[in-house]
N, C-alpha and C. Protein backbone atom coordinates (compact mmCIF):
# COMPACT_ATOMS: atom_id res chain seq x y z
N MET A 1 2.28 -41.33 -17.75
CA MET A 1 1.27 -40.47 -18.35
C MET A 1 0.20 -40.10 -17.33
N ILE A 2 -0.29 -41.08 -16.59
CA ILE A 2 -1.33 -40.81 -15.60
C ILE A 2 -0.76 -39.92 -14.49
N LYS A 3 0.48 -40.19 -14.11
CA LYS A 3 1.11 -39.38 -13.06
C LYS A 3 1.23 -37.92 -13.50
N GLU A 4 1.58 -37.67 -14.77
CA GLU A 4 1.67 -36.30 -15.28
C GLU A 4 0.32 -35.61 -15.25
N GLU A 5 -0.75 -36.33 -15.65
CA GLU A 5 -2.09 -35.74 -15.64
C GLU A 5 -2.52 -35.42 -14.23
N GLN A 6 -2.23 -36.29 -13.28
CA GLN A 6 -2.57 -36.01 -11.89
C GLN A 6 -1.81 -34.79 -11.40
N THR A 7 -0.56 -34.71 -11.79
CA THR A 7 0.25 -33.57 -11.39
C THR A 7 -0.31 -32.28 -11.99
N LYS A 8 -0.69 -32.31 -13.26
CA LYS A 8 -1.27 -31.13 -13.90
C LYS A 8 -2.58 -30.76 -13.21
N TYR A 9 -3.38 -31.76 -12.87
CA TYR A 9 -4.64 -31.50 -12.18
C TYR A 9 -4.38 -30.90 -10.81
N GLU A 10 -3.43 -31.45 -10.10
CA GLU A 10 -3.11 -30.94 -8.77
C GLU A 10 -2.58 -29.51 -8.84
N VAL A 11 -1.76 -29.23 -9.85
CA VAL A 11 -1.25 -27.87 -10.03
C VAL A 11 -2.41 -26.93 -10.33
N PHE A 12 -3.31 -27.33 -11.24
CA PHE A 12 -4.47 -26.50 -11.55
C PHE A 12 -5.33 -26.28 -10.31
N LYS A 13 -5.56 -27.33 -9.55
CA LYS A 13 -6.37 -27.25 -8.35
C LYS A 13 -5.75 -26.29 -7.33
N GLU A 14 -4.45 -26.36 -7.17
CA GLU A 14 -3.74 -25.48 -6.24
C GLU A 14 -3.82 -24.01 -6.71
N LYS A 15 -3.61 -23.78 -8.02
CA LYS A 15 -3.70 -22.41 -8.55
C LYS A 15 -5.11 -21.87 -8.41
N PHE A 16 -6.10 -22.72 -8.66
CA PHE A 16 -7.49 -22.30 -8.53
C PHE A 16 -7.80 -21.92 -7.09
N LYS A 17 -7.32 -22.72 -6.15
CA LYS A 17 -7.55 -22.45 -4.74
C LYS A 17 -6.92 -21.12 -4.32
N LYS A 18 -5.71 -20.86 -4.81
CA LYS A 18 -5.02 -19.62 -4.46
C LYS A 18 -5.69 -18.41 -5.09
N ASN A 19 -6.33 -18.59 -6.23
CA ASN A 19 -6.97 -17.48 -6.96
C ASN A 19 -8.49 -17.49 -6.81
N LEU A 20 -9.00 -18.16 -5.81
CA LEU A 20 -10.45 -18.30 -5.65
C LEU A 20 -11.14 -16.95 -5.53
N LEU A 21 -10.59 -16.04 -4.73
CA LEU A 21 -11.21 -14.72 -4.58
C LEU A 21 -11.22 -13.98 -5.92
N ASN A 22 -10.13 -14.05 -6.67
CA ASN A 22 -10.09 -13.43 -8.00
C ASN A 22 -11.17 -14.02 -8.90
N PHE A 23 -11.29 -15.33 -8.87
CA PHE A 23 -12.28 -16.02 -9.70
C PHE A 23 -13.69 -15.59 -9.33
N ILE A 24 -13.98 -15.54 -8.03
CA ILE A 24 -15.31 -15.13 -7.57
C ILE A 24 -15.60 -13.69 -8.02
N LEU A 25 -14.62 -12.80 -7.86
CA LEU A 25 -14.82 -11.41 -8.28
C LEU A 25 -15.01 -11.29 -9.79
N ILE A 26 -14.29 -12.10 -10.56
CA ILE A 26 -14.46 -12.08 -12.02
C ILE A 26 -15.87 -12.52 -12.39
N VAL A 27 -16.31 -13.64 -11.82
CA VAL A 27 -17.64 -14.16 -12.13
C VAL A 27 -18.71 -13.14 -11.74
N LEU A 28 -18.59 -12.57 -10.54
CA LEU A 28 -19.57 -11.57 -10.11
C LEU A 28 -19.55 -10.35 -11.03
N SER A 29 -18.37 -9.90 -11.40
CA SER A 29 -18.26 -8.73 -12.27
C SER A 29 -18.86 -9.00 -13.64
N ILE A 30 -18.54 -10.15 -14.21
CA ILE A 30 -19.08 -10.49 -15.53
C ILE A 30 -20.60 -10.66 -15.47
N LEU A 31 -21.08 -11.30 -14.41
CA LEU A 31 -22.53 -11.44 -14.25
C LEU A 31 -23.19 -10.07 -14.09
N LEU A 32 -22.56 -9.19 -13.35
CA LEU A 32 -23.09 -7.84 -13.17
C LEU A 32 -23.12 -7.09 -14.50
N ILE A 33 -22.05 -7.18 -15.25
CA ILE A 33 -21.99 -6.48 -16.54
C ILE A 33 -23.00 -7.06 -17.52
N LEU A 34 -23.10 -8.40 -17.57
CA LEU A 34 -24.08 -9.03 -18.49
C LEU A 34 -25.51 -8.71 -18.06
N SER A 35 -25.75 -8.71 -16.75
CA SER A 35 -27.09 -8.35 -16.26
C SER A 35 -27.40 -6.89 -16.58
N ALA A 36 -26.41 -6.04 -16.42
CA ALA A 36 -26.60 -4.62 -16.75
C ALA A 36 -26.89 -4.46 -18.24
N TRP A 37 -26.23 -5.25 -19.06
CA TRP A 37 -26.44 -5.21 -20.51
C TRP A 37 -27.87 -5.65 -20.83
N LYS A 38 -28.30 -6.74 -20.20
CA LYS A 38 -29.61 -7.32 -20.50
C LYS A 38 -30.76 -6.50 -19.90
N PHE A 39 -30.62 -6.15 -18.62
CA PHE A 39 -31.75 -5.54 -17.91
C PHE A 39 -31.65 -4.02 -17.81
N LYS A 40 -30.55 -3.46 -18.26
CA LYS A 40 -30.36 -2.01 -18.28
C LYS A 40 -30.68 -1.41 -16.90
N PHE A 41 -29.83 -1.74 -15.91
CA PHE A 41 -30.00 -1.23 -14.55
C PHE A 41 -30.11 0.29 -14.54
N ILE A 42 -29.34 0.92 -15.41
CA ILE A 42 -29.42 2.37 -15.56
C ILE A 42 -30.15 2.58 -16.88
N PRO A 43 -31.47 2.79 -16.82
CA PRO A 43 -32.28 2.77 -18.04
C PRO A 43 -32.10 3.95 -18.97
N LYS A 44 -31.55 5.05 -18.45
CA LYS A 44 -31.46 6.25 -19.28
C LYS A 44 -30.02 6.77 -19.28
N VAL A 45 -29.51 7.04 -20.46
CA VAL A 45 -28.19 7.62 -20.60
C VAL A 45 -28.29 9.10 -20.22
N PRO A 46 -27.38 9.61 -19.39
CA PRO A 46 -27.44 11.03 -19.02
C PRO A 46 -27.38 11.93 -20.26
N ASP A 47 -28.12 13.03 -20.18
CA ASP A 47 -28.16 13.97 -21.30
C ASP A 47 -26.83 14.67 -21.52
N LYS A 48 -26.10 14.90 -20.45
CA LYS A 48 -24.82 15.61 -20.57
C LYS A 48 -23.74 14.64 -21.01
N ASP A 49 -22.98 15.04 -22.01
CA ASP A 49 -21.90 14.19 -22.52
C ASP A 49 -20.66 14.22 -21.63
N ASP A 50 -20.56 15.21 -20.74
CA ASP A 50 -19.36 15.31 -19.91
C ASP A 50 -19.26 14.19 -18.87
N ILE A 51 -20.34 13.46 -18.64
CA ILE A 51 -20.28 12.34 -17.70
C ILE A 51 -19.29 11.29 -18.20
N HIS A 52 -19.20 11.11 -19.51
CA HIS A 52 -18.29 10.12 -20.07
C HIS A 52 -16.83 10.55 -19.90
N LEU A 53 -16.60 11.84 -19.99
CA LEU A 53 -15.26 12.36 -19.74
C LEU A 53 -14.88 12.15 -18.27
N ALA A 54 -15.85 12.33 -17.38
CA ALA A 54 -15.60 12.10 -15.95
C ALA A 54 -15.31 10.62 -15.69
N ILE A 55 -16.06 9.73 -16.32
CA ILE A 55 -15.82 8.28 -16.16
C ILE A 55 -14.46 7.92 -16.73
N LEU A 56 -14.11 8.52 -17.86
CA LEU A 56 -12.79 8.29 -18.46
C LEU A 56 -11.69 8.71 -17.49
N THR A 57 -11.86 9.87 -16.88
CA THR A 57 -10.86 10.37 -15.93
C THR A 57 -10.75 9.45 -14.71
N ILE A 58 -11.88 9.07 -14.15
CA ILE A 58 -11.88 8.20 -12.97
C ILE A 58 -11.23 6.86 -13.30
N SER A 59 -11.59 6.29 -14.44
CA SER A 59 -11.02 5.00 -14.84
C SER A 59 -9.51 5.07 -15.01
N THR A 60 -9.03 6.14 -15.62
CA THR A 60 -7.58 6.25 -15.83
C THR A 60 -6.85 6.46 -14.51
N VAL A 61 -7.45 7.19 -13.59
CA VAL A 61 -6.81 7.38 -12.27
C VAL A 61 -6.70 6.04 -11.55
N PHE A 62 -7.79 5.27 -11.53
CA PHE A 62 -7.74 3.96 -10.87
C PHE A 62 -6.77 3.02 -11.58
N ALA A 63 -6.74 3.06 -12.90
CA ALA A 63 -5.78 2.22 -13.64
C ALA A 63 -4.36 2.61 -13.27
N GLY A 64 -4.10 3.90 -13.14
CA GLY A 64 -2.77 4.36 -12.72
C GLY A 64 -2.40 3.85 -11.34
N PHE A 65 -3.35 3.88 -10.42
CA PHE A 65 -3.10 3.34 -9.09
C PHE A 65 -2.84 1.83 -9.14
N MET A 66 -3.55 1.14 -10.04
CA MET A 66 -3.34 -0.31 -10.18
C MET A 66 -1.94 -0.59 -10.70
N PHE A 67 -1.48 0.21 -11.67
CA PHE A 67 -0.11 0.03 -12.16
C PHE A 67 0.91 0.33 -11.06
N THR A 68 0.61 1.31 -10.22
CA THR A 68 1.49 1.60 -9.09
C THR A 68 1.54 0.41 -8.13
N SER A 69 0.39 -0.19 -7.86
CA SER A 69 0.35 -1.38 -7.01
C SER A 69 1.16 -2.51 -7.63
N LEU A 70 1.07 -2.65 -8.93
CA LEU A 70 1.85 -3.67 -9.63
C LEU A 70 3.34 -3.41 -9.46
N GLY A 71 3.74 -2.16 -9.59
CA GLY A 71 5.14 -1.78 -9.39
C GLY A 71 5.60 -2.07 -7.98
N LEU A 72 4.74 -1.79 -7.00
CA LEU A 72 5.10 -2.09 -5.60
C LEU A 72 5.32 -3.58 -5.40
N LEU A 73 4.42 -4.39 -5.95
CA LEU A 73 4.57 -5.84 -5.81
C LEU A 73 5.86 -6.33 -6.47
N ILE A 74 6.16 -5.81 -7.62
CA ILE A 74 7.39 -6.21 -8.30
C ILE A 74 8.60 -5.81 -7.46
N GLY A 75 8.52 -4.65 -6.82
CA GLY A 75 9.60 -4.20 -5.95
C GLY A 75 9.77 -5.06 -4.72
N PHE A 76 8.68 -5.65 -4.25
CA PHE A 76 8.74 -6.50 -3.05
C PHE A 76 9.25 -7.91 -3.32
N ILE A 77 9.30 -8.30 -4.58
CA ILE A 77 9.65 -9.68 -4.92
C ILE A 77 11.01 -10.09 -4.35
N ASP A 78 11.97 -9.18 -4.31
CA ASP A 78 13.29 -9.57 -3.81
C ASP A 78 13.45 -9.32 -2.30
N LYS A 79 12.39 -8.92 -1.64
CA LYS A 79 12.43 -8.65 -0.21
C LYS A 79 11.92 -9.84 0.60
N ALA A 80 12.36 -9.89 1.83
CA ALA A 80 11.88 -10.87 2.81
C ALA A 80 11.91 -12.29 2.23
N ASN A 81 10.86 -13.03 2.46
CA ASN A 81 10.79 -14.38 1.91
C ASN A 81 9.94 -14.40 0.65
N MET A 82 9.82 -13.27 0.00
CA MET A 82 9.01 -13.17 -1.21
C MET A 82 9.54 -14.04 -2.35
N PRO A 83 10.87 -14.19 -2.54
CA PRO A 83 11.31 -15.08 -3.63
C PRO A 83 10.79 -16.51 -3.47
N GLU A 84 10.76 -16.99 -2.23
CA GLU A 84 10.24 -18.34 -1.99
C GLU A 84 8.74 -18.40 -2.29
N LEU A 85 8.03 -17.36 -1.86
CA LEU A 85 6.59 -17.31 -2.13
C LEU A 85 6.30 -17.20 -3.62
N GLU A 86 7.12 -16.40 -4.32
CA GLU A 86 6.94 -16.24 -5.76
C GLU A 86 7.19 -17.56 -6.49
N SER A 87 8.28 -18.23 -6.13
CA SER A 87 8.60 -19.49 -6.82
C SER A 87 7.58 -20.58 -6.50
N ALA A 88 6.94 -20.49 -5.33
CA ALA A 88 5.91 -21.47 -4.98
C ALA A 88 4.54 -21.09 -5.54
N GLY A 89 4.44 -19.92 -6.16
CA GLY A 89 3.19 -19.52 -6.80
C GLY A 89 2.20 -18.81 -5.89
N TYR A 90 2.63 -18.40 -4.72
CA TYR A 90 1.70 -17.76 -3.79
C TYR A 90 1.43 -16.29 -4.11
N THR A 91 2.30 -15.65 -4.84
CA THR A 91 2.08 -14.23 -5.15
C THR A 91 1.28 -14.04 -6.44
N GLY A 92 1.07 -15.10 -7.18
CA GLY A 92 0.32 -15.00 -8.43
C GLY A 92 -1.06 -14.43 -8.23
N GLN A 93 -1.71 -14.77 -7.12
CA GLN A 93 -3.05 -14.27 -6.86
C GLN A 93 -3.07 -12.75 -6.75
N TYR A 94 -1.99 -12.17 -6.21
CA TYR A 94 -1.91 -10.72 -6.09
C TYR A 94 -1.72 -10.08 -7.47
N PHE A 95 -0.80 -10.62 -8.24
CA PHE A 95 -0.56 -10.10 -9.59
C PHE A 95 -1.79 -10.27 -10.47
N ASN A 96 -2.42 -11.45 -10.39
CA ASN A 96 -3.60 -11.71 -11.22
C ASN A 96 -4.73 -10.74 -10.90
N GLY A 97 -4.95 -10.47 -9.62
CA GLY A 97 -6.01 -9.54 -9.23
C GLY A 97 -5.78 -8.16 -9.80
N ILE A 98 -4.53 -7.71 -9.75
CA ILE A 98 -4.21 -6.39 -10.29
C ILE A 98 -4.40 -6.36 -11.80
N LEU A 99 -3.94 -7.39 -12.48
CA LEU A 99 -4.05 -7.43 -13.94
C LEU A 99 -5.52 -7.51 -14.39
N ILE A 100 -6.32 -8.25 -13.66
CA ILE A 100 -7.75 -8.35 -13.99
C ILE A 100 -8.42 -6.99 -13.76
N GLY A 101 -8.07 -6.32 -12.67
CA GLY A 101 -8.61 -4.99 -12.40
C GLY A 101 -8.24 -4.01 -13.49
N ILE A 102 -7.00 -4.08 -13.93
CA ILE A 102 -6.56 -3.21 -15.03
C ILE A 102 -7.37 -3.51 -16.30
N ALA A 103 -7.64 -4.78 -16.55
CA ALA A 103 -8.42 -5.16 -17.74
C ALA A 103 -9.83 -4.55 -17.69
N PHE A 104 -10.49 -4.63 -16.53
CA PHE A 104 -11.82 -4.02 -16.41
C PHE A 104 -11.76 -2.51 -16.59
N LEU A 105 -10.74 -1.90 -16.02
CA LEU A 105 -10.61 -0.45 -16.16
C LEU A 105 -10.29 -0.05 -17.60
N VAL A 106 -9.52 -0.87 -18.29
CA VAL A 106 -9.25 -0.59 -19.71
C VAL A 106 -10.53 -0.70 -20.53
N LEU A 107 -11.40 -1.64 -20.19
CA LEU A 107 -12.70 -1.74 -20.87
C LEU A 107 -13.50 -0.46 -20.65
N SER A 108 -13.55 0.00 -19.41
CA SER A 108 -14.26 1.24 -19.11
C SER A 108 -13.63 2.44 -19.84
N ILE A 109 -12.29 2.49 -19.84
CA ILE A 109 -11.58 3.56 -20.53
C ILE A 109 -11.90 3.55 -22.03
N THR A 110 -11.90 2.37 -22.61
CA THR A 110 -12.15 2.24 -24.05
C THR A 110 -13.55 2.72 -24.42
N VAL A 111 -14.55 2.25 -23.68
CA VAL A 111 -15.92 2.66 -23.98
C VAL A 111 -16.08 4.17 -23.75
N SER A 112 -15.52 4.68 -22.67
CA SER A 112 -15.61 6.12 -22.38
C SER A 112 -14.92 6.94 -23.46
N PHE A 113 -13.74 6.48 -23.89
CA PHE A 113 -13.00 7.21 -24.92
C PHE A 113 -13.77 7.25 -26.23
N ILE A 114 -14.32 6.11 -26.62
CA ILE A 114 -15.10 6.06 -27.86
C ILE A 114 -16.32 6.98 -27.75
N THR A 115 -16.92 7.00 -26.58
CA THR A 115 -18.10 7.84 -26.35
C THR A 115 -17.76 9.32 -26.38
N VAL A 116 -16.60 9.69 -25.83
CA VAL A 116 -16.19 11.09 -25.84
C VAL A 116 -15.92 11.54 -27.27
N ILE A 117 -15.31 10.67 -28.06
CA ILE A 117 -14.98 11.01 -29.44
C ILE A 117 -16.23 11.00 -30.33
N ASN A 118 -17.10 10.00 -30.10
CA ASN A 118 -18.30 9.86 -30.92
C ASN A 118 -19.52 9.78 -29.99
N PRO A 119 -20.13 10.90 -29.63
CA PRO A 119 -21.25 10.90 -28.67
C PRO A 119 -22.45 10.08 -29.13
N ASP A 120 -22.61 9.85 -30.42
CA ASP A 120 -23.74 9.05 -30.90
C ASP A 120 -23.59 7.58 -30.52
N PHE A 121 -22.37 7.16 -30.19
CA PHE A 121 -22.10 5.77 -29.83
C PHE A 121 -22.87 5.36 -28.58
N ILE A 122 -23.14 6.27 -27.70
CA ILE A 122 -23.71 5.96 -26.40
C ILE A 122 -25.23 6.01 -26.36
N LYS A 123 -25.85 6.17 -27.47
CA LYS A 123 -27.32 6.21 -27.48
C LYS A 123 -27.91 4.92 -26.91
N ASN A 124 -27.13 3.87 -26.92
CA ASN A 124 -27.56 2.57 -26.42
C ASN A 124 -27.33 2.50 -24.90
N CYS A 125 -28.38 2.26 -24.14
CA CYS A 125 -28.27 2.18 -22.67
C CYS A 125 -27.36 1.03 -22.24
N ALA A 126 -27.35 -0.06 -23.00
CA ALA A 126 -26.53 -1.22 -22.63
C ALA A 126 -25.05 -0.85 -22.65
N ILE A 127 -24.62 -0.07 -23.60
CA ILE A 127 -23.22 0.36 -23.67
C ILE A 127 -22.87 1.20 -22.45
N TYR A 128 -23.78 2.09 -22.07
CA TYR A 128 -23.55 2.93 -20.90
C TYR A 128 -23.44 2.07 -19.64
N ASN A 129 -24.26 1.04 -19.55
CA ASN A 129 -24.19 0.13 -18.42
C ASN A 129 -22.85 -0.59 -18.37
N ILE A 130 -22.34 -0.99 -19.51
CA ILE A 130 -21.02 -1.64 -19.55
C ILE A 130 -19.95 -0.66 -19.08
N GLU A 131 -20.06 0.58 -19.52
CA GLU A 131 -19.10 1.61 -19.13
C GLU A 131 -19.07 1.76 -17.60
N ILE A 132 -20.23 1.85 -17.00
CA ILE A 132 -20.34 2.05 -15.55
C ILE A 132 -19.91 0.81 -14.78
N PHE A 133 -20.43 -0.34 -15.16
CA PHE A 133 -20.19 -1.54 -14.36
C PHE A 133 -18.80 -2.12 -14.56
N SER A 134 -18.15 -1.84 -15.68
CA SER A 134 -16.75 -2.23 -15.80
C SER A 134 -15.88 -1.34 -14.90
N LEU A 135 -16.28 -0.07 -14.75
CA LEU A 135 -15.59 0.81 -13.80
C LEU A 135 -15.78 0.29 -12.38
N ILE A 136 -16.99 -0.09 -12.02
CA ILE A 136 -17.25 -0.63 -10.68
C ILE A 136 -16.44 -1.89 -10.44
N SER A 137 -16.37 -2.76 -11.44
CA SER A 137 -15.58 -3.99 -11.30
C SER A 137 -14.10 -3.67 -11.12
N GLY A 138 -13.61 -2.71 -11.88
CA GLY A 138 -12.22 -2.29 -11.74
C GLY A 138 -11.94 -1.75 -10.35
N ILE A 139 -12.89 -0.99 -9.80
CA ILE A 139 -12.72 -0.44 -8.45
C ILE A 139 -12.72 -1.57 -7.42
N LEU A 140 -13.56 -2.59 -7.61
CA LEU A 140 -13.55 -3.74 -6.69
C LEU A 140 -12.18 -4.41 -6.67
N PHE A 141 -11.61 -4.62 -7.85
CA PHE A 141 -10.28 -5.22 -7.91
C PHE A 141 -9.21 -4.28 -7.36
N PHE A 142 -9.43 -2.98 -7.49
CA PHE A 142 -8.51 -2.01 -6.89
C PHE A 142 -8.52 -2.16 -5.37
N LEU A 143 -9.71 -2.26 -4.79
CA LEU A 143 -9.81 -2.44 -3.34
C LEU A 143 -9.12 -3.73 -2.90
N LYS A 144 -9.30 -4.79 -3.67
CA LYS A 144 -8.61 -6.05 -3.36
C LYS A 144 -7.10 -5.86 -3.46
N ALA A 145 -6.64 -5.12 -4.45
CA ALA A 145 -5.21 -4.88 -4.62
C ALA A 145 -4.63 -4.11 -3.44
N VAL A 146 -5.38 -3.13 -2.94
CA VAL A 146 -4.92 -2.37 -1.77
C VAL A 146 -4.76 -3.29 -0.58
N ILE A 147 -5.73 -4.14 -0.34
CA ILE A 147 -5.66 -5.09 0.78
C ILE A 147 -4.47 -6.04 0.58
N ASP A 148 -4.27 -6.52 -0.65
CA ASP A 148 -3.15 -7.42 -0.93
C ASP A 148 -1.81 -6.74 -0.71
N VAL A 149 -1.68 -5.50 -1.15
CA VAL A 149 -0.41 -4.79 -0.97
C VAL A 149 -0.14 -4.57 0.52
N PHE A 150 -1.17 -4.24 1.29
CA PHE A 150 -0.97 -4.09 2.74
C PHE A 150 -0.54 -5.41 3.37
N SER A 151 -1.11 -6.50 2.90
CA SER A 151 -0.74 -7.82 3.42
C SER A 151 0.73 -8.12 3.14
N ILE A 152 1.16 -7.86 1.93
CA ILE A 152 2.56 -8.12 1.58
C ILE A 152 3.48 -7.16 2.32
N LEU A 153 3.07 -5.91 2.43
CA LEU A 153 3.87 -4.93 3.17
C LEU A 153 4.05 -5.36 4.63
N ARG A 154 3.00 -5.86 5.24
CA ARG A 154 3.08 -6.36 6.62
C ARG A 154 4.07 -7.52 6.70
N ARG A 155 4.02 -8.41 5.73
CA ARG A 155 4.93 -9.56 5.70
C ARG A 155 6.38 -9.09 5.59
N VAL A 156 6.63 -8.14 4.71
CA VAL A 156 8.00 -7.63 4.52
C VAL A 156 8.48 -6.91 5.78
N ARG A 157 7.63 -6.09 6.39
CA ARG A 157 8.02 -5.38 7.60
C ARG A 157 8.31 -6.35 8.75
N ASN A 158 7.49 -7.38 8.89
CA ASN A 158 7.75 -8.37 9.94
C ASN A 158 9.06 -9.09 9.70
N PHE A 159 9.35 -9.40 8.44
CA PHE A 159 10.61 -10.07 8.12
C PHE A 159 11.79 -9.16 8.47
N VAL A 160 11.71 -7.89 8.11
CA VAL A 160 12.79 -6.95 8.40
C VAL A 160 12.97 -6.81 9.91
N LYS A 161 11.87 -6.72 10.64
CA LYS A 161 11.93 -6.62 12.10
C LYS A 161 12.57 -7.87 12.70
N ASP A 162 12.16 -9.04 12.23
CA ASP A 162 12.73 -10.29 12.73
C ASP A 162 14.23 -10.39 12.44
N GLU A 163 14.61 -9.95 11.23
CA GLU A 163 16.03 -9.97 10.88
C GLU A 163 16.83 -9.01 11.76
N TYR A 164 16.28 -7.88 12.08
CA TYR A 164 16.95 -6.90 12.94
C TYR A 164 17.10 -7.47 14.36
N ILE A 165 16.06 -8.11 14.85
CA ILE A 165 16.13 -8.71 16.19
C ILE A 165 17.17 -9.83 16.22
N LYS A 166 17.23 -10.63 15.15
CA LYS A 166 18.26 -11.68 15.05
C LYS A 166 19.65 -11.06 15.10
N LYS A 167 19.82 -9.98 14.36
CA LYS A 167 21.13 -9.30 14.31
C LYS A 167 21.51 -8.78 15.70
N LEU A 168 20.56 -8.21 16.40
CA LEU A 168 20.85 -7.70 17.76
C LEU A 168 21.17 -8.82 18.74
N ASN A 169 20.56 -9.98 18.56
CA ASN A 169 20.76 -11.11 19.47
C ASN A 169 21.89 -12.02 19.00
N GLY A 170 22.66 -11.58 18.06
CA GLY A 170 23.79 -12.38 17.59
C GLY A 170 23.38 -13.57 16.74
N GLY A 171 22.34 -13.42 15.97
CA GLY A 171 21.93 -14.48 15.06
C GLY A 171 20.87 -15.41 15.64
N ILE A 172 20.48 -15.20 16.89
CA ILE A 172 19.45 -16.04 17.51
C ILE A 172 18.16 -15.25 17.62
N LYS A 173 17.10 -15.86 17.22
CA LYS A 173 15.81 -15.15 17.25
C LYS A 173 15.18 -15.24 18.60
């Protein structure tokens, strides 16, 4: 029983360590959104209602790019040494970052959509702050996803290059 608990703790500790950047970004994003809600960083809602349509458009474009990044990662799983990394849990941080980014963008999309349909909904500055800062958080996770995809792409390209060199040298690297 004690050995199982230690193992569970060690597994949790390892997953936490691998996802530390995701965790830090989540905490910062949530603190930013809660602070924006409380202190109303943007004290006045714009008079023009088309700003919400623009935020809706931007959020959906970034969410689409995040889904594309997710598709790329799924496509890379069977390449290079990615199956070993996946089974060892090293790629989870990449998938988690993308999924968290999508969640923030969906929050922004939801608030923007409700605001476009019902303009009276946005009379509250705190709601507008959530709309903006969830978009900013989604963009932060998008930037992290781009860096992660480049990292995995570099790994796959190096593996392919190494395999080609092995093939040219008759199996010797």
